[in-house]
Amino acid sequence: DSVQGRFAISRNNAKNTVYLQLNSLKPEDTDAYFCNTHNQAVRARLMG
């Protein structure tokens, strides 16, 4: 919710790449950003 309207996710399957466009950045957006597949993220949560 806090990024909707400011960030945009996209992908180019021919390049095996996913993107995140960050616009109108705020200080509270300061973080380490990670990408992952949905399945690997779920597995990571389940495995702690």
ModelCIF file with pLDDT and N, C-alpha, C, O atoms, coordinates in Angstrom:
data_MODEL
#
_entry.id   MODEL 
#
_entity.id                         1 
_entity.type                       polymer 
_entity.pdbx_number_of_molecules   1 
#
_entity_poly.entity_id                      1 
_entity_poly.type                           'polypeptide(L)' 
_entity_poly.nstd_linkage                   no 
_entity_poly.nstd_monomer                   no 
_entity_poly.pdbx_seq_one_letter_code       DSVQGRFAISRNNAKNTVYLQLNSLKPEDTDAYFCNTHNQAVRARLMG 
_entity_poly.pdbx_seq_one_letter_code_can   DSVQGRFAISRNNAKNTVYLQLNSLKPEDTDAYFCNTHNQAVRARLMG 
_entity_poly.pdbx_strand_id                 A 
#
loop_
_entity_poly_seq.entity_id 
_entity_poly_seq.num 
_entity_poly_seq.mon_id 
_entity_poly_seq.hetero 
1 1  ASP n 
1 2  SER n 
1 3  VAL n 
1 4  GLN n 
1 5  GLY n 
1 6  ARG n 
1 7  PHE n 
1 8  ALA n 
1 9  ILE n 
1 10 SER n 
1 11 ARG n 
1 12 ASN n 
1 13 ASN n 
1 14 ALA n 
1 15 LYS n 
1 16 ASN n 
1 17 THR n 
1 18 VAL n 
1 19 TYR n 
1 20 LEU n 
1 21 GLN n 
1 22 LEU n 
1 23 ASN n 
1 24 SER n 
1 25 LEU n 
1 26 LYS n 
1 27 PRO n 
1 28 GLU n 
1 29 ASP n 
1 30 THR n 
1 31 ASP n 
1 32 ALA n 
1 33 TYR n 
1 34 PHE n 
1 35 CYS n 
1 36 ASN n 
1 37 THR n 
1 38 HIS n 
1 39 ASN n 
1 40 GLN n 
1 41 ALA n 
1 42 VAL n 
1 43 ARG n 
1 44 ALA n 
1 45 ARG n 
1 46 LEU n 
1 47 MET n 
1 48 GLY n 
#
_struct_asym.id          A 
_struct_asym.entity_id   1 
#
loop_
_ma_qa_metric.id 
_ma_qa_metric.mode 
_ma_qa_metric.name 
_ma_qa_metric.software_group_id 
_ma_qa_metric.type 
1 global pLDDT . pLDDT 
2 local  pLDDT . pLDDT 
#
_ma_qa_metric_global.metric_id      1 
_ma_qa_metric_global.metric_value   96.04 
_ma_qa_metric_global.model_id       1 
_ma_qa_metric_global.ordinal_id     1 
#
loop_
_ma_qa_metric_local.label_asym_id 
_ma_qa_metric_local.label_comp_id 
_ma_qa_metric_local.label_seq_id 
_ma_qa_metric_local.metric_id 
_ma_qa_metric_local.metric_value 
_ma_qa_metric_local.model_id 
_ma_qa_metric_local.ordinal_id 
A ASP 1  2 97.00 1 1  
A SER 2  2 97.00 1 2  
A VAL 3  2 97.00 1 3  
A GLN 4  2 97.00 1 4  
A GLY 5  2 97.00 1 5  
A ARG 6  2 98.00 1 6  
A PHE 7  2 98.00 1 7  
A ALA 8  2 97.00 1 8  
A ILE 9  2 97.00 1 9  
A SER 10 2 96.00 1 10 
A ARG 11 2 96.00 1 11 
A ASN 12 2 96.00 1 12 
A ASN 13 2 95.00 1 13 
A ALA 14 2 94.00 1 14 
A LYS 15 2 96.00 1 15 
A ASN 16 2 96.00 1 16 
A THR 17 2 97.00 1 17 
A VAL 18 2 97.00 1 18 
A TYR 19 2 97.00 1 19 
A LEU 20 2 97.00 1 20 
A GLN 21 2 98.00 1 21 
A LEU 22 2 98.00 1 22 
A ASN 23 2 98.00 1 23 
A SER 24 2 98.00 1 24 
A LEU 25 2 98.00 1 25 
A LYS 26 2 98.00 1 26 
A PRO 27 2 97.00 1 27 
A GLU 28 2 96.00 1 28 
A ASP 29 2 97.00 1 29 
A THR 30 2 97.00 1 30 
A ASP 31 2 97.00 1 31 
A ALA 32 2 97.00 1 32 
A TYR 33 2 97.00 1 33 
A PHE 34 2 96.00 1 34 
A CYS 35 2 96.00 1 35 
A ASN 36 2 96.00 1 36 
A THR 37 2 95.00 1 37 
A HIS 38 2 93.00 1 38 
A ASN 39 2 94.00 1 39 
A GLN 40 2 94.00 1 40 
A ALA 41 2 94.00 1 41 
A VAL 42 2 94.00 1 42 
A ARG 43 2 95.00 1 43 
A ALA 44 2 93.00 1 44 
A ARG 45 2 91.00 1 45 
A LEU 46 2 94.00 1 46 
A MET 47 2 95.00 1 47 
A GLY 48 2 92.00 1 48 
#
loop_
_atom_site.group_PDB 
_atom_site.id 
_atom_site.type_symbol 
_atom_site.label_atom_id 
_atom_site.label_alt_id 
_atom_site.label_comp_id 
_atom_site.label_asym_id 
_atom_site.label_entity_id 
_atom_site.label_seq_id 
_atom_site.pdbx_PDB_ins_code 
_atom_site.Cartn_x 
_atom_site.Cartn_y 
_atom_site.Cartn_z 
_atom_site.occupancy 
_atom_site.B_iso_or_equiv 
_atom_site.pdbx_formal_charge 
_atom_site.auth_seq_id 
_atom_site.auth_comp_id 
_atom_site.auth_asym_id 
_atom_site.auth_atom_id 
_atom_site.pdbx_PDB_model_num 
ATOM 1   N N  . ASP A 1 1  ? 0.813  -1.214  0.000   1.00 97.00 ? 1  ASP A N  1 
ATOM 2   C CA . ASP A 1 1  ? 0.000  0.000   0.000   1.00 97.00 ? 1  ASP A CA 1 
ATOM 3   C C  . ASP A 1 1  ? 0.850  1.269   0.000   1.00 97.00 ? 1  ASP A C  1 
ATOM 4   O O  . ASP A 1 1  ? 0.512  2.241   -0.676  1.00 97.00 ? 1  ASP A O  1 
ATOM 5   N N  . SER A 1 2  ? 1.931  1.266   0.741   1.00 97.00 ? 2  SER A N  1 
ATOM 6   C CA . SER A 1 2  ? 2.739  2.463   0.883   1.00 97.00 ? 2  SER A CA 1 
ATOM 7   C C  . SER A 1 2  ? 3.521  2.824   -0.376  1.00 97.00 ? 2  SER A C  1 
ATOM 8   O O  . SER A 1 2  ? 4.030  3.940   -0.476  1.00 97.00 ? 2  SER A O  1 
ATOM 9   N N  . VAL A 1 3  ? 3.630  1.907   -1.339  1.00 97.00 ? 3  VAL A N  1 
ATOM 10  C CA . VAL A 1 3  ? 4.365  2.186   -2.571  1.00 97.00 ? 3  VAL A CA 1 
ATOM 11  C C  . VAL A 1 3  ? 3.465  2.230   -3.791  1.00 97.00 ? 3  VAL A C  1 
ATOM 12  O O  . VAL A 1 3  ? 3.912  2.631   -4.866  1.00 97.00 ? 3  VAL A O  1 
ATOM 13  N N  . GLN A 1 4  ? 2.224  1.833   -3.657  1.00 97.00 ? 4  GLN A N  1 
ATOM 14  C CA . GLN A 1 4  ? 1.311  1.809   -4.795  1.00 97.00 ? 4  GLN A CA 1 
ATOM 15  C C  . GLN A 1 4  ? 1.160  3.207   -5.383  1.00 97.00 ? 4  GLN A C  1 
ATOM 16  O O  . GLN A 1 4  ? 0.945  4.181   -4.661  1.00 97.00 ? 4  GLN A O  1 
ATOM 17  N N  . GLY A 1 5  ? 1.274  3.288   -6.692  1.00 97.00 ? 5  GLY A N  1 
ATOM 18  C CA . GLY A 1 5  ? 1.225  4.560   -7.380  1.00 97.00 ? 5  GLY A CA 1 
ATOM 19  C C  . GLY A 1 5  ? 2.580  5.199   -7.557  1.00 97.00 ? 5  GLY A C  1 
ATOM 20  O O  . GLY A 1 5  ? 2.726  6.133   -8.346  1.00 97.00 ? 5  GLY A O  1 
ATOM 21  N N  . ARG A 1 6  ? 3.584  4.710   -6.833  1.00 98.00 ? 6  ARG A N  1 
ATOM 22  C CA . ARG A 1 6  ? 4.932  5.256   -6.944  1.00 98.00 ? 6  ARG A CA 1 
ATOM 23  C C  . ARG A 1 6  ? 5.913  4.259   -7.550  1.00 98.00 ? 6  ARG A C  1 
ATOM 24  O O  . ARG A 1 6  ? 6.832  4.650   -8.269  1.00 98.00 ? 6  ARG A O  1 
ATOM 25  N N  . PHE A 1 7  ? 5.721  2.969   -7.263  1.00 98.00 ? 7  PHE A N  1 
ATOM 26  C CA . PHE A 1 7  ? 6.604  1.924   -7.772  1.00 98.00 ? 7  PHE A CA 1 
ATOM 27  C C  . PHE A 1 7  ? 5.896  1.145   -8.865  1.00 98.00 ? 7  PHE A C  1 
ATOM 28  O O  . PHE A 1 7  ? 4.667  1.071   -8.890  1.00 98.00 ? 7  PHE A O  1 
ATOM 29  N N  . ALA A 1 8  ? 6.675  0.562   -9.770  1.00 97.00 ? 8  ALA A N  1 
ATOM 30  C CA . ALA A 1 8  ? 6.122  -0.261  -10.836 1.00 97.00 ? 8  ALA A CA 1 
ATOM 31  C C  . ALA A 1 8  ? 7.020  -1.469  -11.071 1.00 97.00 ? 8  ALA A C  1 
ATOM 32  O O  . ALA A 1 8  ? 8.223  -1.326  -11.291 1.00 97.00 ? 8  ALA A O  1 
ATOM 33  N N  . ILE A 1 9  ? 6.430  -2.653  -11.023 1.00 97.00 ? 9  ILE A N  1 
ATOM 34  C CA . ILE A 1 9  ? 7.162  -3.882  -11.296 1.00 97.00 ? 9  ILE A CA 1 
ATOM 35  C C  . ILE A 1 9  ? 6.889  -4.304  -12.732 1.00 97.00 ? 9  ILE A C  1 
ATOM 36  O O  . ILE A 1 9  ? 5.768  -4.170  -13.224 1.00 97.00 ? 9  ILE A O  1 
ATOM 37  N N  . SER A 1 10 ? 7.914  -4.813  -13.398 1.00 96.00 ? 10 SER A N  1 
ATOM 38  C CA . SER A 1 10 ? 7.776  -5.272  -14.770 1.00 96.00 ? 10 SER A CA 1 
ATOM 39  C C  . SER A 1 10 ? 8.767  -6.401  -15.009 1.00 96.00 ? 10 SER A C  1 
ATOM 40  O O  . SER A 1 10 ? 9.632  -6.672  -14.176 1.00 96.00 ? 10 SER A O  1 
ATOM 41  N N  . ARG A 1 11 ? 8.633  -7.055  -16.154 1.00 96.00 ? 11 ARG A N  1 
ATOM 42  C CA . ARG A 1 11 ? 9.552  -8.145  -16.471 1.00 96.00 ? 11 ARG A CA 1 
ATOM 43  C C  . ARG A 1 11 ? 9.770  -8.232  -17.966 1.00 96.00 ? 11 ARG A C  1 
ATOM 44  O O  . ARG A 1 11 ? 8.914  -7.845  -18.761 1.00 96.00 ? 11 ARG A O  1 
ATOM 45  N N  . ASN A 1 12 ? 10.932 -8.748  -18.333 1.00 96.00 ? 12 ASN A N  1 
ATOM 46  C CA . ASN A 1 12 ? 11.271 -9.044  -19.710 1.00 96.00 ? 12 ASN A CA 1 
ATOM 47  C C  . ASN A 1 12 ? 11.718 -10.498 -19.737 1.00 96.00 ? 12 ASN A C  1 
ATOM 48  O O  . ASN A 1 12 ? 12.863 -10.809 -19.410 1.00 96.00 ? 12 ASN A O  1 
ATOM 49  N N  . ASN A 1 13 ? 10.817 -11.379 -20.126 1.00 95.00 ? 13 ASN A N  1 
ATOM 50  C CA . ASN A 1 13 ? 11.116 -12.804 -20.077 1.00 95.00 ? 13 ASN A CA 1 
ATOM 51  C C  . ASN A 1 13 ? 12.214 -13.201 -21.058 1.00 95.00 ? 13 ASN A C  1 
ATOM 52  O O  . ASN A 1 13 ? 12.943 -14.162 -20.810 1.00 95.00 ? 13 ASN A O  1 
ATOM 53  N N  . ALA A 1 14 ? 12.342 -12.486 -22.155 1.00 94.00 ? 14 ALA A N  1 
ATOM 54  C CA . ALA A 1 14 ? 13.408 -12.776 -23.111 1.00 94.00 ? 14 ALA A CA 1 
ATOM 55  C C  . ALA A 1 14 ? 14.776 -12.526 -22.513 1.00 94.00 ? 14 ALA A C  1 
ATOM 56  O O  . ALA A 1 14 ? 15.758 -13.141 -22.930 1.00 94.00 ? 14 ALA A O  1 
ATOM 57  N N  . LYS A 1 15 ? 14.853 -11.623 -21.531 1.00 96.00 ? 15 LYS A N  1 
ATOM 58  C CA . LYS A 1 15 ? 16.109 -11.306 -20.864 1.00 96.00 ? 15 LYS A CA 1 
ATOM 59  C C  . LYS A 1 15 ? 16.227 -11.937 -19.486 1.00 96.00 ? 15 LYS A C  1 
ATOM 60  O O  . LYS A 1 15 ? 17.207 -11.693 -18.783 1.00 96.00 ? 15 LYS A O  1 
ATOM 61  N N  . ASN A 1 16 ? 15.250 -12.746 -19.085 1.00 96.00 ? 16 ASN A N  1 
ATOM 62  C CA . ASN A 1 16 ? 15.242 -13.371 -17.760 1.00 96.00 ? 16 ASN A CA 1 
ATOM 63  C C  . ASN A 1 16 ? 15.428 -12.334 -16.654 1.00 96.00 ? 16 ASN A C  1 
ATOM 64  O O  . ASN A 1 16 ? 16.183 -12.552 -15.706 1.00 96.00 ? 16 ASN A O  1 
ATOM 65  N N  . THR A 1 17 ? 14.737 -11.214 -16.784 1.00 97.00 ? 17 THR A N  1 
ATOM 66  C CA . THR A 1 17 ? 14.953 -10.098 -15.869 1.00 97.00 ? 17 THR A CA 1 
ATOM 67  C C  . THR A 1 17 ? 13.629 -9.524  -15.384 1.00 97.00 ? 17 THR A C  1 
ATOM 68  O O  . THR A 1 17 ? 12.679 -9.377  -16.153 1.00 97.00 ? 17 THR A O  1 
ATOM 69  N N  . VAL A 1 18 ? 13.587 -9.205  -14.094 1.00 97.00 ? 18 VAL A N  1 
ATOM 70  C CA . VAL A 1 18 ? 12.467 -8.483  -13.509 1.00 97.00 ? 18 VAL A CA 1 
ATOM 71  C C  . VAL A 1 18 ? 12.988 -7.144  -13.000 1.00 97.00 ? 18 VAL A C  1 
ATOM 72  O O  . VAL A 1 18 ? 14.119 -7.053  -12.522 1.00 97.00 ? 18 VAL A O  1 
ATOM 73  N N  . TYR A 1 19 ? 12.160 -6.106  -13.104 1.00 97.00 ? 19 TYR A N  1 
ATOM 74  C CA . TYR A 1 19 ? 12.554 -4.754  -12.755 1.00 97.00 ? 19 TYR A CA 1 
ATOM 75  C C  . TYR A 1 19 ? 11.622 -4.174  -11.705 1.00 97.00 ? 19 TYR A C  1 
ATOM 76  O O  . TYR A 1 19 ? 10.463 -4.574  -11.588 1.00 97.00 ? 19 TYR A O  1 
ATOM 77  N N  . LEU A 1 20 ? 12.140 -3.241  -10.958 1.00 97.00 ? 20 LEU A N  1 
ATOM 78  C CA . LEU A 1 20 ? 11.316 -2.433  -10.075 1.00 97.00 ? 20 LEU A CA 1 
ATOM 79  C C  . LEU A 1 20 ? 11.681 -0.971  -10.297 1.00 97.00 ? 20 LEU A C  1 
ATOM 80  O O  . LEU A 1 20 ? 12.806 -0.552  -10.024 1.00 97.00 ? 20 LEU A O  1 
ATOM 81  N N  . GLN A 1 21 ? 10.719 -0.202  -10.796 1.00 98.00 ? 21 GLN A N  1 
ATOM 82  C CA . GLN A 1 21 ? 10.903 1.225   -10.992 1.00 98.00 ? 21 GLN A CA 1 
ATOM 83  C C  . GLN A 1 21 ? 10.398 1.944   -9.748  1.00 98.00 ? 21 GLN A C  1 
ATOM 84  O O  . GLN A 1 21 ? 9.229  1.822   -9.385  1.00 98.00 ? 21 GLN A O  1 
ATOM 85  N N  . LEU A 1 22 ? 11.272 2.683   -9.107  1.00 98.00 ? 22 LEU A N  1 
ATOM 86  C CA . LEU A 1 22 ? 10.945 3.404   -7.892  1.00 98.00 ? 22 LEU A CA 1 
ATOM 87  C C  . LEU A 1 22 ? 10.883 4.891   -8.217  1.00 98.00 ? 22 LEU A C  1 
ATOM 88  O O  . LEU A 1 22 ? 11.887 5.486   -8.610  1.00 98.00 ? 22 LEU A O  1 
ATOM 89  N N  . ASN A 1 23 ? 9.720  5.484   -8.055  1.00 98.00 ? 23 ASN A N  1 
ATOM 90  C CA . ASN A 1 23 ? 9.515  6.900   -8.327  1.00 98.00 ? 23 ASN A CA 1 
ATOM 91  C C  . ASN A 1 23 ? 9.067  7.623   -7.067  1.00 98.00 ? 23 ASN A C  1 
ATOM 92  O O  . ASN A 1 23 ? 8.601  7.004   -6.110  1.00 98.00 ? 23 ASN A O  1 
ATOM 93  N N  . SER A 1 24 ? 9.215  8.938   -7.082  1.00 98.00 ? 24 SER A N  1 
ATOM 94  C CA . SER A 1 24 ? 8.790  9.776   -5.955  1.00 98.00 ? 24 SER A CA 1 
ATOM 95  C C  . SER A 1 24 ? 9.292  9.216   -4.636  1.00 98.00 ? 24 SER A C  1 
ATOM 96  O O  . SER A 1 24 ? 8.529  9.057   -3.683  1.00 98.00 ? 24 SER A O  1 
ATOM 97  N N  . LEU A 1 25 ? 10.560 8.924   -4.592  1.00 98.00 ? 25 LEU A N  1 
ATOM 98  C CA . LEU A 1 25 ? 11.138 8.236   -3.439  1.00 98.00 ? 25 LEU A CA 1 
ATOM 99  C C  . LEU A 1 25 ? 11.087 9.091   -2.185  1.00 98.00 ? 25 LEU A C  1 
ATOM 100 O O  . LEU A 1 25 ? 11.250 10.310  -2.229  1.00 98.00 ? 25 LEU A O  1 
ATOM 101 N N  . LYS A 1 26 ? 10.856 8.416   -1.069  1.00 98.00 ? 26 LYS A N  1 
ATOM 102 C CA . LYS A 1 26 ? 10.780 9.039   0.238   1.00 98.00 ? 26 LYS A CA 1 
ATOM 103 C C  . LYS A 1 26 ? 11.861 8.460   1.141   1.00 98.00 ? 26 LYS A C  1 
ATOM 104 O O  . LYS A 1 26 ? 12.327 7.346   0.902   1.00 98.00 ? 26 LYS A O  1 
ATOM 105 N N  . PRO A 1 27 ? 12.270 9.193   2.175   1.00 97.00 ? 27 PRO A N  1 
ATOM 106 C CA . PRO A 1 27 ? 13.271 8.641   3.094   1.00 97.00 ? 27 PRO A CA 1 
ATOM 107 C C  . PRO A 1 27 ? 12.877 7.298   3.686   1.00 97.00 ? 27 PRO A C  1 
ATOM 108 O O  . PRO A 1 27 ? 13.745 6.463   3.940   1.00 97.00 ? 27 PRO A O  1 
ATOM 109 N N  . GLU A 1 28 ? 11.588 7.071   3.913   1.00 96.00 ? 28 GLU A N  1 
ATOM 110 C CA . GLU A 1 28 ? 11.146 5.808   4.471   1.00 96.00 ? 28 GLU A CA 1 
ATOM 111 C C  . GLU A 1 28 ? 11.266 4.639   3.510   1.00 96.00 ? 28 GLU A C  1 
ATOM 112 O O  . GLU A 1 28 ? 11.064 3.492   3.908   1.00 96.00 ? 28 GLU A O  1 
ATOM 113 N N  . ASP A 1 29 ? 11.592 4.909   2.243   1.00 97.00 ? 29 ASP A N  1 
ATOM 114 C CA . ASP A 1 29 ? 11.870 3.842   1.288   1.00 97.00 ? 29 ASP A CA 1 
ATOM 115 C C  . ASP A 1 29 ? 13.291 3.301   1.423   1.00 97.00 ? 29 ASP A C  1 
ATOM 116 O O  . ASP A 1 29 ? 13.649 2.340   0.743   1.00 97.00 ? 29 ASP A O  1 
ATOM 117 N N  . THR A 1 30 ? 14.091 3.894   2.275   1.00 97.00 ? 30 THR A N  1 
ATOM 118 C CA . THR A 1 30 ? 15.460 3.450   2.487   1.00 97.00 ? 30 THR A CA 1 
ATOM 119 C C  . THR A 1 30 ? 15.469 2.047   3.077   1.00 97.00 ? 30 THR A C  1 
ATOM 120 O O  . THR A 1 30 ? 14.978 1.823   4.184   1.00 97.00 ? 30 THR A O  1 
ATOM 121 N N  . ASP A 1 31 ? 16.027 1.112   2.330   1.00 97.00 ? 31 ASP A N  1 
ATOM 122 C CA . ASP A 1 31 ? 16.029 -0.295  2.720   1.00 97.00 ? 31 ASP A CA 1 
ATOM 123 C C  . ASP A 1 31 ? 16.982 -1.056  1.808   1.00 97.00 ? 31 ASP A C  1 
ATOM 124 O O  . ASP A 1 31 ? 17.445 -0.537  0.792   1.00 97.00 ? 31 ASP A O  1 
ATOM 125 N N  . ALA A 1 32 ? 17.263 -2.295  2.190   1.00 97.00 ? 32 ALA A N  1 
ATOM 126 C CA . ALA A 1 32 ? 17.880 -3.246  1.280   1.00 97.00 ? 32 ALA A CA 1 
ATOM 127 C C  . ALA A 1 32 ? 16.768 -3.932  0.505   1.00 97.00 ? 32 ALA A C  1 
ATOM 128 O O  . ALA A 1 32 ? 15.819 -4.444  1.100   1.00 97.00 ? 32 ALA A O  1 
ATOM 129 N N  . TYR A 1 33 ? 16.877 -3.945  -0.815  1.00 97.00 ? 33 TYR A N  1 
ATOM 130 C CA . TYR A 1 33 ? 15.852 -4.520  -1.675  1.00 97.00 ? 33 TYR A CA 1 
ATOM 131 C C  . TYR A 1 33 ? 16.341 -5.841  -2.254  1.00 97.00 ? 33 TYR A C  1 
ATOM 132 O O  . TYR A 1 33 ? 17.498 -5.966  -2.655  1.00 97.00 ? 33 TYR A O  1 
ATOM 133 N N  . PHE A 1 34 ? 15.443 -6.825  -2.293  1.00 96.00 ? 34 PHE A N  1 
ATOM 134 C CA . PHE A 1 34 ? 15.756 -8.167  -2.754  1.00 96.00 ? 34 PHE A CA 1 
ATOM 135 C C  . PHE A 1 34 ? 14.723 -8.622  -3.771  1.00 96.00 ? 34 PHE A C  1 
ATOM 136 O O  . PHE A 1 34 ? 13.562 -8.218  -3.709  1.00 96.00 ? 34 PHE A O  1 
ATOM 137 N N  . CYS A 1 35 ? 15.142 -9.455  -4.698  1.00 96.00 ? 35 CYS A N  1 
ATOM 138 C CA . CYS A 1 35 ? 14.192 -10.139 -5.559  1.00 96.00 ? 35 CYS A CA 1 
ATOM 139 C C  . CYS A 1 35 ? 14.237 -11.629 -5.268  1.00 96.00 ? 35 CYS A C  1 
ATOM 140 O O  . CYS A 1 35 ? 15.233 -12.146 -4.765  1.00 96.00 ? 35 CYS A O  1 
ATOM 141 N N  . ASN A 1 36 ? 13.148 -12.310 -5.589  1.00 96.00 ? 36 ASN A N  1 
ATOM 142 C CA . ASN A 1 36 ? 13.083 -13.749 -5.393  1.00 96.00 ? 36 ASN A CA 1 
ATOM 143 C C  . ASN A 1 36 ? 11.893 -14.289 -6.164  1.00 96.00 ? 36 ASN A C  1 
ATOM 144 O O  . ASN A 1 36 ? 10.963 -13.550 -6.489  1.00 96.00 ? 36 ASN A O  1 
ATOM 145 N N  . THR A 1 37 ? 11.926 -15.582 -6.455  1.00 95.00 ? 37 THR A N  1 
ATOM 146 C CA . THR A 1 37 ? 10.726 -16.220 -6.978  1.00 95.00 ? 37 THR A CA 1 
ATOM 147 C C  . THR A 1 37 ? 9.743  -16.398 -5.840  1.00 95.00 ? 37 THR A C  1 
ATOM 148 O O  . THR A 1 37 ? 10.136 -16.495 -4.678  1.00 95.00 ? 37 THR A O  1 
ATOM 149 N N  . HIS A 1 38 ? 8.480  -16.440 -6.173  1.00 93.00 ? 38 HIS A N  1 
ATOM 150 C CA . HIS A 1 38 ? 7.456  -16.660 -5.160  1.00 93.00 ? 38 HIS A CA 1 
ATOM 151 C C  . HIS A 1 38 ? 7.704  -17.968 -4.416  1.00 93.00 ? 38 HIS A C  1 
ATOM 152 O O  . HIS A 1 38 ? 7.623  -18.010 -3.188  1.00 93.00 ? 38 HIS A O  1 
ATOM 153 N N  . ASN A 1 39 ? 8.003  -19.027 -5.148  1.00 94.00 ? 39 ASN A N  1 
ATOM 154 C CA . ASN A 1 39 ? 8.179  -20.328 -4.512  1.00 94.00 ? 39 ASN A CA 1 
ATOM 155 C C  . ASN A 1 39 ? 9.375  -20.344 -3.565  1.00 94.00 ? 39 ASN A C  1 
ATOM 156 O O  . ASN A 1 39 ? 9.291  -20.909 -2.475  1.00 94.00 ? 39 ASN A O  1 
ATOM 157 N N  . GLN A 1 40 ? 10.484 -19.731 -3.968  1.00 94.00 ? 40 GLN A N  1 
ATOM 158 C CA . GLN A 1 40 ? 11.649 -19.711 -3.099  1.00 94.00 ? 40 GLN A CA 1 
ATOM 159 C C  . GLN A 1 40 ? 11.405 -18.845 -1.866  1.00 94.00 ? 40 GLN A C  1 
ATOM 160 O O  . GLN A 1 40 ? 11.890 -19.166 -0.781  1.00 94.00 ? 40 GLN A O  1 
ATOM 161 N N  . ALA A 1 41 ? 10.667 -17.764 -2.019  1.00 94.00 ? 41 ALA A N  1 
ATOM 162 C CA . ALA A 1 41 ? 10.350 -16.915 -0.879  1.00 94.00 ? 41 ALA A CA 1 
ATOM 163 C C  . ALA A 1 41 ? 9.476  -17.654 0.124   1.00 94.00 ? 41 ALA A C  1 
ATOM 164 O O  . ALA A 1 41 ? 9.705  -17.561 1.330   1.00 94.00 ? 41 ALA A O  1 
ATOM 165 N N  . VAL A 1 42 ? 8.484  -18.383 -0.357  1.00 94.00 ? 42 VAL A N  1 
ATOM 166 C CA . VAL A 1 42 ? 7.627  -19.163 0.521   1.00 94.00 ? 42 VAL A CA 1 
ATOM 167 C C  . VAL A 1 42 ? 8.437  -20.233 1.236   1.00 94.00 ? 42 VAL A C  1 
ATOM 168 O O  . VAL A 1 42 ? 8.288  -20.425 2.443   1.00 94.00 ? 42 VAL A O  1 
ATOM 169 N N  . ARG A 1 43 ? 9.279  -20.919 0.508   1.00 95.00 ? 43 ARG A N  1 
ATOM 170 C CA . ARG A 1 43 ? 10.115 -21.950 1.114   1.00 95.00 ? 43 ARG A CA 1 
ATOM 171 C C  . ARG A 1 43 ? 11.028 -21.365 2.186   1.00 95.00 ? 43 ARG A C  1 
ATOM 172 O O  . ARG A 1 43 ? 11.223 -21.980 3.235   1.00 95.00 ? 43 ARG A O  1 
ATOM 173 N N  . ALA A 1 44 ? 11.588 -20.188 1.934   1.00 93.00 ? 44 ALA A N  1 
ATOM 174 C CA . ALA A 1 44 ? 12.448 -19.543 2.911   1.00 93.00 ? 44 ALA A CA 1 
ATOM 175 C C  . ALA A 1 44 ? 11.686 -19.231 4.194   1.00 93.00 ? 44 ALA A C  1 
ATOM 176 O O  . ALA A 1 44 ? 12.205 -19.444 5.290   1.00 93.00 ? 44 ALA A O  1 
ATOM 177 N N  . ARG A 1 45 ? 10.459 -18.729 4.065   1.00 91.00 ? 45 ARG A N  1 
ATOM 178 C CA . ARG A 1 45 ? 9.646  -18.449 5.252   1.00 91.00 ? 45 ARG A CA 1 
ATOM 179 C C  . ARG A 1 45 ? 9.359  -19.721 6.030   1.00 91.00 ? 45 ARG A C  1 
ATOM 180 O O  . ARG A 1 45 ? 9.474  -19.736 7.256   1.00 91.00 ? 45 ARG A O  1 
ATOM 181 N N  . LEU A 1 46 ? 8.991  -20.777 5.340   1.00 94.00 ? 46 LEU A N  1 
ATOM 182 C CA . LEU A 1 46 ? 8.657  -22.027 6.003   1.00 94.00 ? 46 LEU A CA 1 
ATOM 183 C C  . LEU A 1 46 ? 9.871  -22.641 6.690   1.00 94.00 ? 46 LEU A C  1 
ATOM 184 O O  . LEU A 1 46 ? 9.739  -23.277 7.735   1.00 94.00 ? 46 LEU A O  1 
ATOM 185 N N  . MET A 1 47 ? 11.048 -22.452 6.109   1.00 95.00 ? 47 MET A N  1 
ATOM 186 C CA . MET A 1 47 ? 12.267 -23.007 6.664   1.00 95.00 ? 47 MET A CA 1 
ATOM 187 C C  . MET A 1 47 ? 12.920 -22.093 7.692   1.00 95.00 ? 47 MET A C  1 
ATOM 188 O O  . MET A 1 47 ? 13.914 -22.478 8.309   1.00 95.00 ? 47 MET A O  1 
ATOM 189 N N  . GLY A 1 48 ? 12.390 -20.904 7.889   1.00 92.00 ? 48 GLY A N  1 
ATOM 190 C CA . GLY A 1 48 ? 12.991 -19.955 8.809   1.00 92.00 ? 48 GLY A CA 1 
ATOM 191 C C  . GLY A 1 48 ? 14.322 -19.413 8.333   1.00 92.00 ? 48 GLY A C  1 
ATOM 192 O O  . GLY A 1 48 ? 14.938 -18.599 9.020   1.00 92.00 ? 48 GLY A O  1 
#
